[in-house]
């Protein structure tokens, strides 16, 4: 079994009530925290768990995309843009 790493884009945004982290490649996956440090810590763990569950259910993982950062920035100018590298087991 080979382990391969894939980088996925994550956005962290202060909503005024919480900090929200979301992944453009996983539309339904959103993480909330009280502070940015919460989502910086939790988001990679949640994404890794989500990908492992997708693998167990033999669902196709999306290829990491490069979203239109300027378009997202125009809609979310205060968002912090980052990457989460996850490990994927391949047969």
N, C-alpha and C. Protein backbone atom coordinates (compact mmCIF):
# COMPACT_ATOMS: atom_id res chain seq x y z
N UNK A 1 0.85 -1.17 0.00
CA UNK A 1 0.00 0.00 0.00
C UNK A 1 0.90 1.24 0.00
N UNK A 2 0.60 2.17 -0.88
CA UNK A 2 1.33 3.43 -0.96
C UNK A 2 0.53 4.54 -0.30
N UNK A 3 1.23 5.47 0.31
CA UNK A 3 0.61 6.65 0.89
C UNK A 3 1.01 7.84 0.04
N UNK A 4 0.03 8.59 -0.39
CA UNK A 4 0.28 9.77 -1.21
C UNK A 4 -0.37 10.97 -0.54
N UNK A 5 0.27 12.10 -0.64
CA UNK A 5 -0.28 13.33 -0.05
C UNK A 5 -0.92 14.18 -1.15
N UNK A 6 -2.08 14.74 -0.82
CA UNK A 6 -2.77 15.65 -1.73
C UNK A 6 -3.04 16.96 -1.00
N UNK A 7 -2.73 18.09 -1.62
CA UNK A 7 -3.02 19.37 -0.99
C UNK A 7 -4.39 19.91 -1.45
N UNK A 8 -5.22 20.26 -0.49
CA UNK A 8 -6.52 20.86 -0.80
C UNK A 8 -6.58 22.27 -0.22
N UNK A 9 -7.24 23.16 -0.93
CA UNK A 9 -7.40 24.54 -0.50
C UNK A 9 -8.42 24.61 0.62
N UNK A 10 -8.12 25.47 1.62
CA UNK A 10 -9.05 25.73 2.71
C UNK A 10 -9.11 27.24 2.92
N UNK A 11 -10.30 27.73 3.20
CA UNK A 11 -10.51 29.14 3.50
C UNK A 11 -10.98 29.27 4.94
N UNK A 12 -10.38 30.20 5.65
CA UNK A 12 -10.77 30.50 7.03
C UNK A 12 -11.33 31.92 7.02
N UNK A 13 -12.53 32.07 7.57
CA UNK A 13 -13.17 33.38 7.53
C UNK A 13 -13.87 33.67 8.84
N UNK A 14 -13.63 34.88 9.37
CA UNK A 14 -14.30 35.32 10.58
C UNK A 14 -15.69 35.81 10.20
N UNK A 15 -16.72 35.19 10.75
CA UNK A 15 -18.10 35.56 10.42
C UNK A 15 -18.65 36.61 11.38
N UNK A 16 -17.85 36.99 12.38
CA UNK A 16 -18.33 37.91 13.39
C UNK A 16 -18.87 37.19 14.61
N UNK A 17 -19.31 35.95 14.42
CA UNK A 17 -19.82 35.12 15.51
C UNK A 17 -18.94 33.91 15.75
N UNK A 18 -18.20 33.52 14.74
CA UNK A 18 -17.31 32.36 14.81
C UNK A 18 -16.33 32.47 13.64
N UNK A 19 -15.39 31.56 13.61
CA UNK A 19 -14.50 31.44 12.45
C UNK A 19 -14.93 30.19 11.69
N UNK A 20 -15.13 30.37 10.41
CA UNK A 20 -15.60 29.28 9.55
C UNK A 20 -14.46 28.87 8.62
N UNK A 21 -14.24 27.56 8.50
CA UNK A 21 -13.28 27.03 7.54
C UNK A 21 -14.05 26.17 6.55
N UNK A 22 -13.78 26.37 5.26
CA UNK A 22 -14.48 25.60 4.24
C UNK A 22 -13.53 25.25 3.10
N UNK A 23 -13.89 24.16 2.42
CA UNK A 23 -13.05 23.59 1.37
C UNK A 23 -13.79 23.65 0.03
N UNK A 24 -13.28 24.39 -0.94
CA UNK A 24 -13.97 24.47 -2.24
C UNK A 24 -14.17 23.11 -2.92
N UNK A 25 -13.27 22.16 -2.67
CA UNK A 25 -13.38 20.84 -3.31
C UNK A 25 -14.35 19.90 -2.60
N UNK A 26 -14.79 20.28 -1.41
CA UNK A 26 -15.73 19.48 -0.62
C UNK A 26 -16.86 20.42 -0.17
N UNK A 27 -17.82 20.63 -1.05
CA UNK A 27 -18.84 21.66 -0.86
C UNK A 27 -19.60 21.57 0.45
N UNK A 28 -19.82 20.39 0.96
CA UNK A 28 -20.62 20.22 2.18
C UNK A 28 -19.79 20.16 3.46
N UNK A 29 -18.50 20.37 3.35
CA UNK A 29 -17.62 20.24 4.51
C UNK A 29 -17.23 21.63 5.03
N UNK A 30 -17.76 21.98 6.19
CA UNK A 30 -17.48 23.26 6.83
C UNK A 30 -17.17 23.01 8.30
N UNK A 31 -16.20 23.73 8.82
CA UNK A 31 -15.77 23.60 10.20
C UNK A 31 -15.90 24.97 10.86
N UNK A 32 -16.38 24.99 12.10
CA UNK A 32 -16.51 26.23 12.85
C UNK A 32 -15.68 26.16 14.12
N UNK A 33 -15.15 27.31 14.52
CA UNK A 33 -14.42 27.43 15.77
C UNK A 33 -14.62 28.80 16.36
N UNK A 34 -14.24 28.95 17.61
CA UNK A 34 -14.35 30.26 18.26
C UNK A 34 -13.27 31.22 17.78
N UNK A 35 -12.10 30.68 17.44
CA UNK A 35 -10.96 31.49 17.02
C UNK A 35 -10.31 30.88 15.78
N UNK A 36 -9.50 31.68 15.11
CA UNK A 36 -8.76 31.18 13.95
C UNK A 36 -7.90 29.99 14.33
N UNK A 37 -7.29 30.04 15.50
CA UNK A 37 -6.43 28.92 15.92
C UNK A 37 -7.23 27.61 16.00
N UNK A 38 -8.52 27.72 16.32
CA UNK A 38 -9.38 26.52 16.37
C UNK A 38 -9.51 25.89 14.98
N UNK A 39 -9.86 26.71 13.99
CA UNK A 39 -10.06 26.14 12.65
C UNK A 39 -8.74 25.73 12.00
N UNK A 40 -7.66 26.43 12.33
CA UNK A 40 -6.36 26.02 11.80
C UNK A 40 -5.97 24.63 12.32
N UNK A 41 -6.39 24.32 13.53
CA UNK A 41 -6.09 23.03 14.13
C UNK A 41 -7.08 21.96 13.69
N UNK A 42 -8.36 22.30 13.71
CA UNK A 42 -9.42 21.31 13.49
C UNK A 42 -9.62 20.98 12.01
N UNK A 43 -9.55 21.96 11.14
CA UNK A 43 -9.87 21.74 9.72
C UNK A 43 -9.06 20.60 9.08
N UNK A 44 -7.73 20.55 9.27
CA UNK A 44 -6.99 19.42 8.67
C UNK A 44 -7.45 18.06 9.20
N UNK A 45 -7.75 17.99 10.49
CA UNK A 45 -8.20 16.72 11.07
C UNK A 45 -9.56 16.30 10.52
N UNK A 46 -10.45 17.26 10.39
CA UNK A 46 -11.79 16.97 9.86
C UNK A 46 -11.70 16.54 8.40
N UNK A 47 -10.87 17.22 7.62
CA UNK A 47 -10.72 16.84 6.21
C UNK A 47 -10.11 15.44 6.10
N UNK A 48 -9.08 15.15 6.89
CA UNK A 48 -8.46 13.82 6.83
C UNK A 48 -9.49 12.74 7.16
N UNK A 49 -10.29 12.95 8.20
CA UNK A 49 -11.32 11.98 8.59
C UNK A 49 -12.36 11.83 7.48
N UNK A 50 -12.76 12.94 6.88
CA UNK A 50 -13.76 12.90 5.80
C UNK A 50 -13.23 12.09 4.61
N UNK A 51 -11.98 12.31 4.26
CA UNK A 51 -11.38 11.59 3.13
C UNK A 51 -11.26 10.10 3.45
N UNK A 52 -10.90 9.76 4.68
CA UNK A 52 -10.82 8.34 5.06
C UNK A 52 -12.19 7.67 4.98
N UNK A 53 -13.23 8.38 5.40
CA UNK A 53 -14.59 7.83 5.29
C UNK A 53 -14.99 7.66 3.83
N UNK A 54 -14.62 8.62 2.98
CA UNK A 54 -14.91 8.48 1.55
C UNK A 54 -14.20 7.26 0.98
N UNK A 55 -12.95 7.05 1.37
CA UNK A 55 -12.19 5.89 0.90
C UNK A 55 -12.84 4.58 1.35
N UNK A 56 -13.29 4.53 2.60
CA UNK A 56 -13.94 3.32 3.12
C UNK A 56 -15.22 3.02 2.36
N UNK A 57 -15.92 4.06 1.94
CA UNK A 57 -17.16 3.88 1.19
C UNK A 57 -16.90 3.80 -0.31
N UNK A 58 -15.62 3.77 -0.67
CA UNK A 58 -15.19 3.68 -2.06
C UNK A 58 -15.75 4.79 -2.93
N UNK A 59 -15.87 5.97 -2.34
CA UNK A 59 -16.30 7.15 -3.09
C UNK A 59 -15.08 7.78 -3.76
N UNK A 60 -15.32 8.36 -4.91
CA UNK A 60 -14.25 9.01 -5.66
C UNK A 60 -13.90 10.33 -5.00
N UNK A 61 -12.62 10.53 -4.72
CA UNK A 61 -12.17 11.80 -4.17
C UNK A 61 -12.03 12.82 -5.29
N UNK A 62 -12.38 14.07 -5.01
CA UNK A 62 -12.16 15.08 -6.05
C UNK A 62 -10.67 15.36 -6.18
N UNK A 63 -10.25 15.68 -7.38
CA UNK A 63 -8.88 16.13 -7.55
C UNK A 63 -8.78 17.53 -6.96
N UNK A 64 -7.66 17.83 -6.33
CA UNK A 64 -7.50 19.19 -5.81
C UNK A 64 -7.57 20.20 -6.95
N UNK A 65 -8.34 21.22 -6.76
CA UNK A 65 -8.47 22.25 -7.78
C UNK A 65 -7.79 23.53 -7.32
N UNK A 66 -7.54 24.37 -8.26
CA UNK A 66 -7.06 25.70 -7.96
C UNK A 66 -8.24 26.62 -8.23
N UNK A 67 -8.94 27.02 -7.18
CA UNK A 67 -10.11 27.86 -7.39
C UNK A 67 -9.70 29.25 -7.86
N UNK A 68 -10.64 29.98 -8.39
CA UNK A 68 -10.39 31.36 -8.80
C UNK A 68 -10.26 32.20 -7.53
N UNK A 69 -9.03 32.35 -7.06
CA UNK A 69 -8.79 33.03 -5.80
C UNK A 69 -9.25 34.48 -5.82
N UNK A 70 -9.12 35.13 -6.97
CA UNK A 70 -9.56 36.53 -7.06
C UNK A 70 -11.07 36.64 -6.91
N UNK A 71 -11.79 35.70 -7.49
CA UNK A 71 -13.24 35.71 -7.37
C UNK A 71 -13.65 35.48 -5.91
N UNK A 72 -13.03 34.52 -5.28
CA UNK A 72 -13.35 34.25 -3.88
C UNK A 72 -12.95 35.43 -3.01
N UNK A 73 -11.78 36.02 -3.28
CA UNK A 73 -11.34 37.18 -2.51
C UNK A 73 -12.33 38.34 -2.65
N UNK A 74 -12.88 38.53 -3.86
CA UNK A 74 -13.84 39.63 -4.05
C UNK A 74 -15.12 39.41 -3.23
N UNK A 75 -15.47 38.14 -2.99
CA UNK A 75 -16.66 37.83 -2.20
C UNK A 75 -16.35 37.69 -0.71
N UNK A 76 -15.11 37.34 -0.38
CA UNK A 76 -14.70 37.09 1.01
C UNK A 76 -13.33 37.75 1.24
N UNK A 77 -13.25 39.08 1.22
CA UNK A 77 -11.94 39.75 1.29
C UNK A 77 -11.17 39.52 2.58
N UNK A 78 -11.84 39.11 3.63
CA UNK A 78 -11.14 38.90 4.89
C UNK A 78 -10.73 37.45 5.10
N UNK A 79 -11.00 36.58 4.14
CA UNK A 79 -10.69 35.16 4.30
C UNK A 79 -9.18 34.92 4.22
N UNK A 80 -8.72 34.01 5.06
CA UNK A 80 -7.35 33.55 5.03
C UNK A 80 -7.33 32.28 4.17
N UNK A 81 -6.50 32.26 3.16
CA UNK A 81 -6.45 31.14 2.22
C UNK A 81 -5.24 30.28 2.56
N UNK A 82 -5.45 28.98 2.66
CA UNK A 82 -4.35 28.07 2.96
C UNK A 82 -4.54 26.74 2.27
N UNK A 83 -3.67 25.83 2.59
CA UNK A 83 -3.73 24.47 2.03
C UNK A 83 -3.65 23.47 3.16
N UNK A 84 -4.36 22.36 2.99
CA UNK A 84 -4.30 21.24 3.92
C UNK A 84 -3.80 20.05 3.12
N UNK A 85 -2.71 19.47 3.56
CA UNK A 85 -2.17 18.29 2.89
C UNK A 85 -2.66 17.06 3.64
N UNK A 86 -3.38 16.21 2.93
CA UNK A 86 -3.91 15.00 3.55
C UNK A 86 -3.21 13.78 2.99
N UNK A 87 -3.20 12.70 3.74
CA UNK A 87 -2.59 11.44 3.31
C UNK A 87 -3.66 10.52 2.77
N UNK A 88 -3.37 9.93 1.62
CA UNK A 88 -4.32 9.03 0.98
C UNK A 88 -3.63 7.70 0.73
N UNK A 89 -4.24 6.62 1.21
CA UNK A 89 -3.70 5.28 0.99
C UNK A 89 -4.16 4.79 -0.37
N UNK A 90 -3.21 4.29 -1.14
CA UNK A 90 -3.53 3.74 -2.46
C UNK A 90 -3.04 2.30 -2.53
N UNK A 91 -3.82 1.47 -3.21
CA UNK A 91 -3.43 0.07 -3.37
C UNK A 91 -2.45 -0.09 -4.51
